[in-house]
Amino acid sequence: TSLLNTPWALIIPYTVSALPTTIFIMIGF
């Protein structure tokens, strides 16, 4: 997708990796 060496190359993986844990916590609330 030609995203290497762009800020999105880190923002997207970081966001995706954070979703399972944050969803797990928020569902209880």
mmCIF file of all heavy atoms, coordinates in Angstrom:
data_MODEL
# 
_entry.id   MODEL 
# 
loop_
_atom_site.group_PDB 
_atom_site.id 
_atom_site.type_symbol 
_atom_site.label_atom_id 
_atom_site.label_alt_id 
_atom_site.label_comp_id 
_atom_site.label_asym_id 
_atom_site.label_entity_id 
_atom_site.label_seq_id 
_atom_site.pdbx_PDB_ins_code 
_atom_site.Cartn_x 
_atom_site.Cartn_y 
_atom_site.Cartn_z 
_atom_site.occupancy 
_atom_site.B_iso_or_equiv 
_atom_site.pdbx_formal_charge 
_atom_site.auth_seq_id 
_atom_site.auth_comp_id 
_atom_site.auth_asym_id 
_atom_site.auth_atom_id 
_atom_site.pdbx_PDB_model_num 
ATOM 1   N N   . THR A 1 1  ? 0.813   -1.223 0.000  1.00 0.00 ? 1  THR A N   1 
ATOM 2   C CA  . THR A 1 1  ? 0.000   0.000  0.000  1.00 0.00 ? 1  THR A CA  1 
ATOM 3   C C   . THR A 1 1  ? 0.845   1.272  0.000  1.00 0.00 ? 1  THR A C   1 
ATOM 4   O O   . THR A 1 1  ? 0.308   2.376  0.149  1.00 0.00 ? 1  THR A O   1 
ATOM 5   C CB  . THR A 1 1  ? -0.923  0.010  1.234  1.00 0.00 ? 1  THR A CB  1 
ATOM 6   O OG1 . THR A 1 1  ? -0.143  -0.179 2.411  1.00 0.00 ? 1  THR A OG1 1 
ATOM 7   C CG2 . THR A 1 1  ? -1.971  -1.093 1.122  1.00 0.00 ? 1  THR A CG2 1 
ATOM 8   N N   . SER A 1 2  ? 2.160   1.118  -0.150 1.00 0.00 ? 2  SER A N   1 
ATOM 9   C CA  . SER A 1 2  ? 3.097   2.258  -0.219 1.00 0.00 ? 2  SER A CA  1 
ATOM 10  C C   . SER A 1 2  ? 3.038   3.136  1.027  1.00 0.00 ? 2  SER A C   1 
ATOM 11  O O   . SER A 1 2  ? 3.173   4.362  0.956  1.00 0.00 ? 2  SER A O   1 
ATOM 12  C CB  . SER A 1 2  ? 2.814   3.106  -1.468 1.00 0.00 ? 2  SER A CB  1 
ATOM 13  O OG  . SER A 1 2  ? 2.951   2.337  -2.640 1.00 0.00 ? 2  SER A OG  1 
ATOM 14  N N   . LEU A 1 3  ? 2.860   2.507  2.187  1.00 0.00 ? 3  LEU A N   1 
ATOM 15  C CA  . LEU A 1 3  ? 2.801   3.243  3.441  1.00 0.00 ? 3  LEU A CA  1 
ATOM 16  C C   . LEU A 1 3  ? 4.091   3.151  4.258  1.00 0.00 ? 3  LEU A C   1 
ATOM 17  O O   . LEU A 1 3  ? 4.190   3.803  5.306  1.00 0.00 ? 3  LEU A O   1 
ATOM 18  C CB  . LEU A 1 3  ? 1.626   2.735  4.299  1.00 0.00 ? 3  LEU A CB  1 
ATOM 19  C CG  . LEU A 1 3  ? 0.233   3.057  3.763  1.00 0.00 ? 3  LEU A CG  1 
ATOM 20  C CD1 . LEU A 1 3  ? -0.826  2.426  4.665  1.00 0.00 ? 3  LEU A CD1 1 
ATOM 21  C CD2 . LEU A 1 3  ? 0.016   4.560  3.658  1.00 0.00 ? 3  LEU A CD2 1 
ATOM 22  N N   . LEU A 1 4  ? 5.046   2.358  3.792  1.00 0.00 ? 4  LEU A N   1 
ATOM 23  C CA  . LEU A 1 4  ? 6.321   2.305  4.498  1.00 0.00 ? 4  LEU A CA  1 
ATOM 24  C C   . LEU A 1 4  ? 7.000   3.671  4.474  1.00 0.00 ? 4  LEU A C   1 
ATOM 25  O O   . LEU A 1 4  ? 6.873   4.431  3.514  1.00 0.00 ? 4  LEU A O   1 
ATOM 26  C CB  . LEU A 1 4  ? 7.241   1.255  3.863  1.00 0.00 ? 4  LEU A CB  1 
ATOM 27  C CG  . LEU A 1 4  ? 6.867   -0.212 4.080  1.00 0.00 ? 4  LEU A CG  1 
ATOM 28  C CD1 . LEU A 1 4  ? 7.817   -1.120 3.307  1.00 0.00 ? 4  LEU A CD1 1 
ATOM 29  C CD2 . LEU A 1 4  ? 6.893   -0.573 5.562  1.00 0.00 ? 4  LEU A CD2 1 
ATOM 30  N N   . ASN A 1 5  ? 7.716   3.967  5.555  1.00 0.00 ? 5  ASN A N   1 
ATOM 31  C CA  . ASN A 1 5  ? 8.399   5.253  5.689  1.00 0.00 ? 5  ASN A CA  1 
ATOM 32  C C   . ASN A 1 5  ? 7.434   6.439  5.654  1.00 0.00 ? 5  ASN A C   1 
ATOM 33  O O   . ASN A 1 5  ? 7.750   7.512  5.124  1.00 0.00 ? 5  ASN A O   1 
ATOM 34  C CB  . ASN A 1 5  ? 9.468   5.429  4.600  1.00 0.00 ? 5  ASN A CB  1 
ATOM 35  C CG  . ASN A 1 5  ? 10.721  4.656  4.920  1.00 0.00 ? 5  ASN A CG  1 
ATOM 36  O OD1 . ASN A 1 5  ? 11.152  4.590  6.066  1.00 0.00 ? 5  ASN A OD1 1 
ATOM 37  N ND2 . ASN A 1 5  ? 11.314  4.054  3.902  1.00 0.00 ? 5  ASN A ND2 1 
ATOM 38  N N   . THR A 1 6  ? 6.246   6.211  6.205  1.00 0.00 ? 6  THR A N   1 
ATOM 39  C CA  . THR A 1 6  ? 5.282   7.285  6.419  1.00 0.00 ? 6  THR A CA  1 
ATOM 40  C C   . THR A 1 6  ? 4.780   7.185  7.861  1.00 0.00 ? 6  THR A C   1 
ATOM 41  O O   . THR A 1 6  ? 4.877   6.120  8.483  1.00 0.00 ? 6  THR A O   1 
ATOM 42  C CB  . THR A 1 6  ? 4.083   7.188  5.459  1.00 0.00 ? 6  THR A CB  1 
ATOM 43  O OG1 . THR A 1 6  ? 3.316   6.023  5.788  1.00 0.00 ? 6  THR A OG1 1 
ATOM 44  C CG2 . THR A 1 6  ? 4.553   7.116  4.010  1.00 0.00 ? 6  THR A CG2 1 
ATOM 45  N N   . PRO A 1 7  ? 4.245   8.258  8.416  1.00 0.00 ? 7  PRO A N   1 
ATOM 46  C CA  . PRO A 1 7  ? 3.710   8.168  9.784  1.00 0.00 ? 7  PRO A CA  1 
ATOM 47  C C   . PRO A 1 7  ? 2.646   7.096  9.952  1.00 0.00 ? 7  PRO A C   1 
ATOM 48  O O   . PRO A 1 7  ? 2.524   6.485  11.021 1.00 0.00 ? 7  PRO A O   1 
ATOM 49  C CB  . PRO A 1 7  ? 3.131   9.575  10.011 1.00 0.00 ? 7  PRO A CB  1 
ATOM 50  C CG  . PRO A 1 7  ? 3.953   10.465 9.131  1.00 0.00 ? 7  PRO A CG  1 
ATOM 51  C CD  . PRO A 1 7  ? 4.238   9.640  7.901  1.00 0.00 ? 7  PRO A CD  1 
ATOM 52  N N   . TRP A 1 8  ? 1.869   6.831  8.883  1.00 0.00 ? 8  TRP A N   1 
ATOM 53  C CA  . TRP A 1 8  ? 0.811   5.827  8.981  1.00 0.00 ? 8  TRP A CA  1 
ATOM 54  C C   . TRP A 1 8  ? 1.356   4.419  9.128  1.00 0.00 ? 8  TRP A C   1 
ATOM 55  O O   . TRP A 1 8  ? 0.636   3.515  9.559  1.00 0.00 ? 8  TRP A O   1 
ATOM 56  C CB  . TRP A 1 8  ? -0.111  5.908  7.770  1.00 0.00 ? 8  TRP A CB  1 
ATOM 57  C CG  . TRP A 1 8  ? -0.865  7.187  7.716  1.00 0.00 ? 8  TRP A CG  1 
ATOM 58  C CD1 . TRP A 1 8  ? -0.657  8.242  6.871  1.00 0.00 ? 8  TRP A CD1 1 
ATOM 59  C CD2 . TRP A 1 8  ? -1.947  7.581  8.570  1.00 0.00 ? 8  TRP A CD2 1 
ATOM 60  N NE1 . TRP A 1 8  ? -1.533  9.265  7.130  1.00 0.00 ? 8  TRP A NE1 1 
ATOM 61  C CE2 . TRP A 1 8  ? -2.345  8.887  8.175  1.00 0.00 ? 8  TRP A CE2 1 
ATOM 62  C CE3 . TRP A 1 8  ? -2.614  6.962  9.625  1.00 0.00 ? 8  TRP A CE3 1 
ATOM 63  C CZ2 . TRP A 1 8  ? -3.372  9.562  8.806  1.00 0.00 ? 8  TRP A CZ2 1 
ATOM 64  C CZ3 . TRP A 1 8  ? -3.646  7.646  10.253 1.00 0.00 ? 8  TRP A CZ3 1 
ATOM 65  C CH2 . TRP A 1 8  ? -4.021  8.921  9.844  1.00 0.00 ? 8  TRP A CH2 1 
ATOM 66  N N   . ALA A 1 9  ? 2.624   4.225  8.778  1.00 0.00 ? 9  ALA A N   1 
ATOM 67  C CA  . ALA A 1 9  ? 3.231   2.902  8.940  1.00 0.00 ? 9  ALA A CA  1 
ATOM 68  C C   . ALA A 1 9  ? 3.312   2.500  10.405 1.00 0.00 ? 9  ALA A C   1 
ATOM 69  O O   . ALA A 1 9  ? 3.425   1.305  10.724 1.00 0.00 ? 9  ALA A O   1 
ATOM 70  C CB  . ALA A 1 9  ? 4.629   2.888  8.315  1.00 0.00 ? 9  ALA A CB  1 
ATOM 71  N N   . LEU A 1 10 ? 3.274   3.469  11.303 1.00 0.00 ? 10 LEU A N   1 
ATOM 72  C CA  . LEU A 1 10 ? 3.262   3.176  12.739 1.00 0.00 ? 10 LEU A CA  1 
ATOM 73  C C   . LEU A 1 10 ? 1.899   3.417  13.364 1.00 0.00 ? 10 LEU A C   1 
ATOM 74  O O   . LEU A 1 10 ? 1.468   2.667  14.237 1.00 0.00 ? 10 LEU A O   1 
ATOM 75  C CB  . LEU A 1 10 ? 4.319   4.024  13.459 1.00 0.00 ? 10 LEU A CB  1 
ATOM 76  C CG  . LEU A 1 10 ? 5.777   3.732  13.091 1.00 0.00 ? 10 LEU A CG  1 
ATOM 77  C CD1 . LEU A 1 10 ? 6.700   4.627  13.900 1.00 0.00 ? 10 LEU A CD1 1 
ATOM 78  C CD2 . LEU A 1 10 ? 6.122   2.277  13.334 1.00 0.00 ? 10 LEU A CD2 1 
ATOM 79  N N   . ILE A 1 11 ? 1.216   4.448  12.918 1.00 0.00 ? 11 ILE A N   1 
ATOM 80  C CA  . ILE A 1 11 ? -0.068  4.791  13.529 1.00 0.00 ? 11 ILE A CA  1 
ATOM 81  C C   . ILE A 1 11 ? -1.080  3.660  13.333 1.00 0.00 ? 11 ILE A C   1 
ATOM 82  O O   . ILE A 1 11 ? -1.792  3.279  14.278 1.00 0.00 ? 11 ILE A O   1 
ATOM 83  C CB  . ILE A 1 11 ? -0.603  6.110  12.938 1.00 0.00 ? 11 ILE A CB  1 
ATOM 84  C CG1 . ILE A 1 11 ? 0.294   7.279  13.351 1.00 0.00 ? 11 ILE A CG1 1 
ATOM 85  C CG2 . ILE A 1 11 ? -2.043  6.359  13.393 1.00 0.00 ? 11 ILE A CG2 1 
ATOM 86  C CD1 . ILE A 1 11 ? -0.066  8.589  12.686 1.00 0.00 ? 11 ILE A CD1 1 
ATOM 87  N N   . ILE A 1 12 ? -1.148  3.108  12.135 1.00 0.00 ? 12 ILE A N   1 
ATOM 88  C CA  . ILE A 1 12 ? -2.128  2.042  11.866 1.00 0.00 ? 12 ILE A CA  1 
ATOM 89  C C   . ILE A 1 12 ? -1.834  0.791  12.681 1.00 0.00 ? 12 ILE A C   1 
ATOM 90  O O   . ILE A 1 12 ? -2.735  0.266  13.367 1.00 0.00 ? 12 ILE A O   1 
ATOM 91  C CB  . ILE A 1 12 ? -2.192  1.743  10.352 1.00 0.00 ? 12 ILE A CB  1 
ATOM 92  C CG1 . ILE A 1 12 ? -2.758  2.949  9.600  1.00 0.00 ? 12 ILE A CG1 1 
ATOM 93  C CG2 . ILE A 1 12 ? -3.050  0.504  10.083 1.00 0.00 ? 12 ILE A CG2 1 
ATOM 94  C CD1 . ILE A 1 12 ? -2.750  2.795  8.089  1.00 0.00 ? 12 ILE A CD1 1 
ATOM 95  N N   . PRO A 1 13 ? -0.604  0.228  12.652 1.00 0.00 ? 13 PRO A N   1 
ATOM 96  C CA  . PRO A 1 13 ? -0.341  -0.957 13.487 1.00 0.00 ? 13 PRO A CA  1 
ATOM 97  C C   . PRO A 1 13 ? -0.523  -0.701 14.980 1.00 0.00 ? 13 PRO A C   1 
ATOM 98  O O   . PRO A 1 13 ? -1.034  -1.573 15.701 1.00 0.00 ? 13 PRO A O   1 
ATOM 99  C CB  . PRO A 1 13 ? 1.116   -1.298 13.157 1.00 0.00 ? 13 PRO A CB  1 
ATOM 100 C CG  . PRO A 1 13 ? 1.353   -0.703 11.815 1.00 0.00 ? 13 PRO A CG  1 
ATOM 101 C CD  . PRO A 1 13 ? 0.549   0.540  11.793 1.00 0.00 ? 13 PRO A CD  1 
ATOM 102 N N   . TYR A 1 14 ? -0.109  0.451  15.463 1.00 0.00 ? 14 TYR A N   1 
ATOM 103 C CA  . TYR A 1 14 ? -0.282  0.768  16.880 1.00 0.00 ? 14 TYR A CA  1 
ATOM 104 C C   . TYR A 1 14 ? -1.766  0.796  17.248 1.00 0.00 ? 14 TYR A C   1 
ATOM 105 O O   . TYR A 1 14 ? -2.174  0.297  18.302 1.00 0.00 ? 14 TYR A O   1 
ATOM 106 C CB  . TYR A 1 14 ? 0.344   2.126  17.208 1.00 0.00 ? 14 TYR A CB  1 
ATOM 107 C CG  . TYR A 1 14 ? 1.855   2.148  17.205 1.00 0.00 ? 14 TYR A CG  1 
ATOM 108 C CD1 . TYR A 1 14 ? 2.554   3.357  17.291 1.00 0.00 ? 14 TYR A CD1 1 
ATOM 109 C CD2 . TYR A 1 14 ? 2.601   0.970  17.117 1.00 0.00 ? 14 TYR A CD2 1 
ATOM 110 C CE1 . TYR A 1 14 ? 3.944   3.392  17.300 1.00 0.00 ? 14 TYR A CE1 1 
ATOM 111 C CE2 . TYR A 1 14 ? 3.987   1.004  17.114 1.00 0.00 ? 14 TYR A CE2 1 
ATOM 112 C CZ  . TYR A 1 14 ? 4.648   2.212  17.203 1.00 0.00 ? 14 TYR A CZ  1 
ATOM 113 O OH  . TYR A 1 14 ? 6.021   2.244  17.213 1.00 0.00 ? 14 TYR A OH  1 
ATOM 114 N N   . THR A 1 15 ? -2.575  1.413  16.388 1.00 0.00 ? 15 THR A N   1 
ATOM 115 C CA  . THR A 1 15 ? -4.008  1.505  16.665 1.00 0.00 ? 15 THR A CA  1 
ATOM 116 C C   . THR A 1 15 ? -4.659  0.127  16.667 1.00 0.00 ? 15 THR A C   1 
ATOM 117 O O   . THR A 1 15 ? -5.436  -0.203 17.571 1.00 0.00 ? 15 THR A O   1 
ATOM 118 C CB  . THR A 1 15 ? -4.683  2.400  15.618 1.00 0.00 ? 15 THR A CB  1 
ATOM 119 O OG1 . THR A 1 15 ? -4.096  3.703  15.643 1.00 0.00 ? 15 THR A OG1 1 
ATOM 120 C CG2 . THR A 1 15 ? -6.171  2.510  15.889 1.00 0.00 ? 15 THR A CG2 1 
ATOM 121 N N   . VAL A 1 16 ? -4.339  -0.664 15.666 1.00 0.00 ? 16 VAL A N   1 
ATOM 122 C CA  . VAL A 1 16 ? -4.936  -2.001 15.563 1.00 0.00 ? 16 VAL A CA  1 
ATOM 123 C C   . VAL A 1 16 ? -4.532  -2.873 16.750 1.00 0.00 ? 16 VAL A C   1 
ATOM 124 O O   . VAL A 1 16 ? -5.361  -3.606 17.313 1.00 0.00 ? 16 VAL A O   1 
ATOM 125 C CB  . VAL A 1 16 ? -4.524  -2.666 14.228 1.00 0.00 ? 16 VAL A CB  1 
ATOM 126 C CG1 . VAL A 1 16 ? -4.978  -4.122 14.186 1.00 0.00 ? 16 VAL A CG1 1 
ATOM 127 C CG2 . VAL A 1 16 ? -5.112  -1.893 13.052 1.00 0.00 ? 16 VAL A CG2 1 
ATOM 128 N N   . SER A 1 17 ? -3.281  -2.821 17.147 1.00 0.00 ? 17 SER A N   1 
ATOM 129 C CA  . SER A 1 17 ? -2.822  -3.638 18.272 1.00 0.00 ? 17 SER A CA  1 
ATOM 130 C C   . SER A 1 17 ? -3.441  -3.202 19.594 1.00 0.00 ? 17 SER A C   1 
ATOM 131 O O   . SER A 1 17 ? -3.533  -3.996 20.537 1.00 0.00 ? 17 SER A O   1 
ATOM 132 C CB  . SER A 1 17 ? -1.298  -3.584 18.370 1.00 0.00 ? 17 SER A CB  1 
ATOM 133 O OG  . SER A 1 17 ? -0.851  -2.264 18.636 1.00 0.00 ? 17 SER A OG  1 
ATOM 134 N N   . ALA A 1 18 ? -3.881  -1.948 19.680 1.00 0.00 ? 18 ALA A N   1 
ATOM 135 C CA  . ALA A 1 18 ? -4.485  -1.448 20.922 1.00 0.00 ? 18 ALA A CA  1 
ATOM 136 C C   . ALA A 1 18 ? -5.965  -1.790 21.030 1.00 0.00 ? 18 ALA A C   1 
ATOM 137 O O   . ALA A 1 18 ? -6.518  -1.803 22.143 1.00 0.00 ? 18 ALA A O   1 
ATOM 138 C CB  . ALA A 1 18 ? -4.303  0.066  21.015 1.00 0.00 ? 18 ALA A CB  1 
ATOM 139 N N   . LEU A 1 19 ? -6.629  -2.058 19.919 1.00 0.00 ? 19 LEU A N   1 
ATOM 140 C CA  . LEU A 1 19 ? -8.080  -2.248 19.931 1.00 0.00 ? 19 LEU A CA  1 
ATOM 141 C C   . LEU A 1 19 ? -8.561  -3.406 20.808 1.00 0.00 ? 19 LEU A C   1 
ATOM 142 O O   . LEU A 1 19 ? -9.514  -3.226 21.581 1.00 0.00 ? 19 LEU A O   1 
ATOM 143 C CB  . LEU A 1 19 ? -8.591  -2.430 18.495 1.00 0.00 ? 19 LEU A CB  1 
ATOM 144 C CG  . LEU A 1 19 ? -8.572  -1.177 17.618 1.00 0.00 ? 19 LEU A CG  1 
ATOM 145 C CD1 . LEU A 1 19 ? -9.079  -1.505 16.222 1.00 0.00 ? 19 LEU A CD1 1 
ATOM 146 C CD2 . LEU A 1 19 ? -9.422  -0.078 18.232 1.00 0.00 ? 19 LEU A CD2 1 
ATOM 147 N N   . PRO A 1 20 ? -7.981  -4.620 20.733 1.00 0.00 ? 20 PRO A N   1 
ATOM 148 C CA  . PRO A 1 20 ? -8.532  -5.719 21.538 1.00 0.00 ? 20 PRO A CA  1 
ATOM 149 C C   . PRO A 1 20 ? -8.572  -5.429 23.035 1.00 0.00 ? 20 PRO A C   1 
ATOM 150 O O   . PRO A 1 20 ? -9.592  -5.659 23.690 1.00 0.00 ? 20 PRO A O   1 
ATOM 151 C CB  . PRO A 1 20 ? -7.577  -6.887 21.220 1.00 0.00 ? 20 PRO A CB  1 
ATOM 152 C CG  . PRO A 1 20 ? -7.023  -6.573 19.880 1.00 0.00 ? 20 PRO A CG  1 
ATOM 153 C CD  . PRO A 1 20 ? -6.893  -5.086 19.848 1.00 0.00 ? 20 PRO A CD  1 
ATOM 154 N N   . THR A 1 21 ? -7.481  -4.901 23.576 1.00 0.00 ? 21 THR A N   1 
ATOM 155 C CA  . THR A 1 21 ? -7.440  -4.633 25.012 1.00 0.00 ? 21 THR A CA  1 
ATOM 156 C C   . THR A 1 21 ? -8.393  -3.519 25.406 1.00 0.00 ? 21 THR A C   1 
ATOM 157 O O   . THR A 1 21 ? -9.119  -3.624 26.406 1.00 0.00 ? 21 THR A O   1 
ATOM 158 C CB  . THR A 1 21 ? -6.010  -4.258 25.439 1.00 0.00 ? 21 THR A CB  1 
ATOM 159 O OG1 . THR A 1 21 ? -5.112  -5.302 25.075 1.00 0.00 ? 21 THR A OG1 1 
ATOM 160 C CG2 . THR A 1 21 ? -5.940  -4.046 26.943 1.00 0.00 ? 21 THR A CG2 1 
ATOM 161 N N   . THR A 1 22 ? -8.422  -2.442 24.630 1.00 0.00 ? 22 THR A N   1 
ATOM 162 C CA  . THR A 1 22 ? -9.299  -1.322 24.968 1.00 0.00 ? 22 THR A CA  1 
ATOM 163 C C   . THR A 1 22 ? -10.770 -1.716 24.846 1.00 0.00 ? 22 THR A C   1 
ATOM 164 O O   . THR A 1 22 ? -11.596 -1.311 25.676 1.00 0.00 ? 22 THR A O   1 
ATOM 165 C CB  . THR A 1 22 ? -8.995  -0.116 24.069 1.00 0.00 ? 22 THR A CB  1 
ATOM 166 O OG1 . THR A 1 22 ? -9.022  -0.524 22.689 1.00 0.00 ? 22 THR A OG1 1 
ATOM 167 C CG2 . THR A 1 22 ? -7.630  0.450  24.364 1.00 0.00 ? 22 THR A CG2 1 
ATOM 168 N N   . ILE A 1 23 ? -11.103 -2.493 23.847 1.00 0.00 ? 23 ILE A N   1 
ATOM 169 C CA  . ILE A 1 23 ? -12.491 -2.960 23.696 1.00 0.00 ? 23 ILE A CA  1 
ATOM 170 C C   . ILE A 1 23 ? -12.866 -3.865 24.862 1.00 0.00 ? 23 ILE A C   1 
ATOM 171 O O   . ILE A 1 23 ? -13.979 -3.769 25.416 1.00 0.00 ? 23 ILE A O   1 
ATOM 172 C CB  . ILE A 1 23 ? -12.672 -3.692 22.352 1.00 0.00 ? 23 ILE A CB  1 
ATOM 173 C CG1 . ILE A 1 23 ? -12.580 -2.689 21.198 1.00 0.00 ? 23 ILE A CG1 1 
ATOM 174 C CG2 . ILE A 1 23 ? -14.005 -4.438 22.299 1.00 0.00 ? 23 ILE A CG2 1 
ATOM 175 C CD1 . ILE A 1 23 ? -12.569 -3.326 19.830 1.00 0.00 ? 23 ILE A CD1 1 
ATOM 176 N N   . PHE A 1 24 ? -11.967 -4.745 25.245 1.00 0.00 ? 24 PHE A N   1 
ATOM 177 C CA  . PHE A 1 24 ? -12.221 -5.661 26.364 1.00 0.00 ? 24 PHE A CA  1 
ATOM 178 C C   . PHE A 1 24 ? -12.539 -4.891 27.646 1.00 0.00 ? 24 PHE A C   1 
ATOM 179 O O   . PHE A 1 24 ? -13.442 -5.260 28.408 1.00 0.00 ? 24 PHE A O   1 
ATOM 180 C CB  . PHE A 1 24 ? -11.003 -6.562 26.563 1.00 0.00 ? 24 PHE A CB  1 
ATOM 181 C CG  . PHE A 1 24 ? -11.138 -7.526 27.698 1.00 0.00 ? 24 PHE A CG  1 
ATOM 182 C CD1 . PHE A 1 24 ? -11.904 -8.668 27.570 1.00 0.00 ? 24 PHE A CD1 1 
ATOM 183 C CD2 . PHE A 1 24 ? -10.497 -7.289 28.905 1.00 0.00 ? 24 PHE A CD2 1 
ATOM 184 C CE1 . PHE A 1 24 ? -12.041 -9.565 28.618 1.00 0.00 ? 24 PHE A CE1 1 
ATOM 185 C CE2 . PHE A 1 24 ? -10.620 -8.164 29.963 1.00 0.00 ? 24 PHE A CE2 1 
ATOM 186 C CZ  . PHE A 1 24 ? -11.390 -9.313 29.818 1.00 0.00 ? 24 PHE A CZ  1 
ATOM 187 N N   . ILE A 1 25 ? -11.819 -3.804 27.895 1.00 0.00 ? 25 ILE A N   1 
ATOM 188 C CA  . ILE A 1 25 ? -12.055 -3.007 29.102 1.00 0.00 ? 25 ILE A CA  1 
ATOM 189 C C   . ILE A 1 25 ? -13.341 -2.192 28.988 1.00 0.00 ? 25 ILE A C   1 
ATOM 190 O O   . ILE A 1 25 ? -14.149 -2.135 29.921 1.00 0.00 ? 25 ILE A O   1 
ATOM 191 C CB  . ILE A 1 25 ? -10.850 -2.089 29.366 1.00 0.00 ? 25 ILE A CB  1 
ATOM 192 C CG1 . ILE A 1 25 ? -9.605  -2.928 29.684 1.00 0.00 ? 25 ILE A CG1 1 
ATOM 193 C CG2 . ILE A 1 25 ? -11.139 -1.119 30.512 1.00 0.00 ? 25 ILE A CG2 1 
ATOM 194 C CD1 . ILE A 1 25 ? -8.332  -2.118 29.816 1.00 0.00 ? 25 ILE A CD1 1 
ATOM 195 N N   . MET A 1 26 ? -13.546 -1.555 27.830 1.00 0.00 ? 26 MET A N   1 
ATOM 196 C CA  . MET A 1 26 ? -14.698 -0.663 27.690 1.00 0.00 ? 26 MET A CA  1 
ATOM 197 C C   . MET A 1 26 ? -16.028 -1.401 27.685 1.00 0.00 ? 26 MET A C   1 
ATOM 198 O O   . MET A 1 26 ? -17.048 -0.858 28.138 1.00 0.00 ? 26 MET A O   1 
ATOM 199 C CB  . MET A 1 26 ? -14.556 0.155  26.403 1.00 0.00 ? 26 MET A CB  1 
ATOM 200 C CG  . MET A 1 26 ? -13.525 1.260  26.487 1.00 0.00 ? 26 MET A CG  1 
ATOM 201 S SD  . MET A 1 26 ? -13.597 2.332  25.041 1.00 0.00 ? 26 MET A SD  1 
ATOM 202 C CE  . MET A 1 26 ? -12.220 3.429  25.382 1.00 0.00 ? 26 MET A CE  1 
ATOM 203 N N   . ILE A 1 27 ? -16.051 -2.614 27.184 1.00 0.00 ? 27 ILE A N   1 
ATOM 204 C CA  . ILE A 1 27 ? -17.312 -3.359 27.143 1.00 0.00 ? 27 ILE A CA  1 
ATOM 205 C C   . ILE A 1 27 ? -17.889 -3.531 28.539 1.00 0.00 ? 27 ILE A C   1 
ATOM 206 O O   . ILE A 1 27 ? -19.099 -3.414 28.755 1.00 0.00 ? 27 ILE A O   1 
ATOM 207 C CB  . ILE A 1 27 ? -17.099 -4.729 26.453 1.00 0.00 ? 27 ILE A CB  1 
ATOM 208 C CG1 . ILE A 1 27 ? -17.056 -4.535 24.943 1.00 0.00 ? 27 ILE A CG1 1 
ATOM 209 C CG2 . ILE A 1 27 ? -18.204 -5.706 26.815 1.00 0.00 ? 27 ILE A CG2 1 
ATOM 210 C CD1 . ILE A 1 27 ? -16.827 -5.802 24.165 1.00 0.00 ? 27 ILE A CD1 1 
ATOM 211 N N   . GLY A 1 28 ? -17.023 -3.807 29.506 1.00 0.00 ? 28 GLY A N   1 
ATOM 212 C CA  . GLY A 1 28 ? -17.496 -3.962 30.876 1.00 0.00 ? 28 GLY A CA  1 
ATOM 213 C C   . GLY A 1 28 ? -18.144 -2.697 31.412 1.00 0.00 ? 28 GLY A C   1 
ATOM 214 O O   . GLY A 1 28 ? -19.160 -2.753 32.122 1.00 0.00 ? 28 GLY A O   1 
ATOM 215 N N   . PHE A 1 29 ? -17.603 -1.538 31.061 1.00 0.00 ? 29 PHE A N   1 
ATOM 216 C CA  . PHE A 1 29 ? -18.184 -0.270 31.514 1.00 0.00 ? 29 PHE A CA  1 
ATOM 217 C C   . PHE A 1 29 ? -19.508 0.008  30.813 1.00 0.00 ? 29 PHE A C   1 
ATOM 218 O O   . PHE A 1 29 ? -20.466 0.465  31.455 1.00 0.00 ? 29 PHE A O   1 
ATOM 219 C CB  . PHE A 1 29 ? -17.202 0.868  31.251 1.00 0.00 ? 29 PHE A CB  1 
ATOM 220 C CG  . PHE A 1 29 ? -16.130 0.999  32.293 1.00 0.00 ? 29 PHE A CG  1 
ATOM 221 C CD1 . PHE A 1 29 ? -15.014 0.171  32.287 1.00 0.00 ? 29 PHE A CD1 1 
ATOM 222 C CD2 . PHE A 1 29 ? -16.239 1.942  33.299 1.00 0.00 ? 29 PHE A CD2 1 
ATOM 223 C CE1 . PHE A 1 29 ? -14.029 0.292  33.248 1.00 0.00 ? 29 PHE A CE1 1 
ATOM 224 C CE2 . PHE A 1 29 ? -15.263 2.078  34.266 1.00 0.00 ? 29 PHE A CE2 1 
ATOM 225 C CZ  . PHE A 1 29 ? -14.156 1.240  34.247 1.00 0.00 ? 29 PHE A CZ  1 
# 
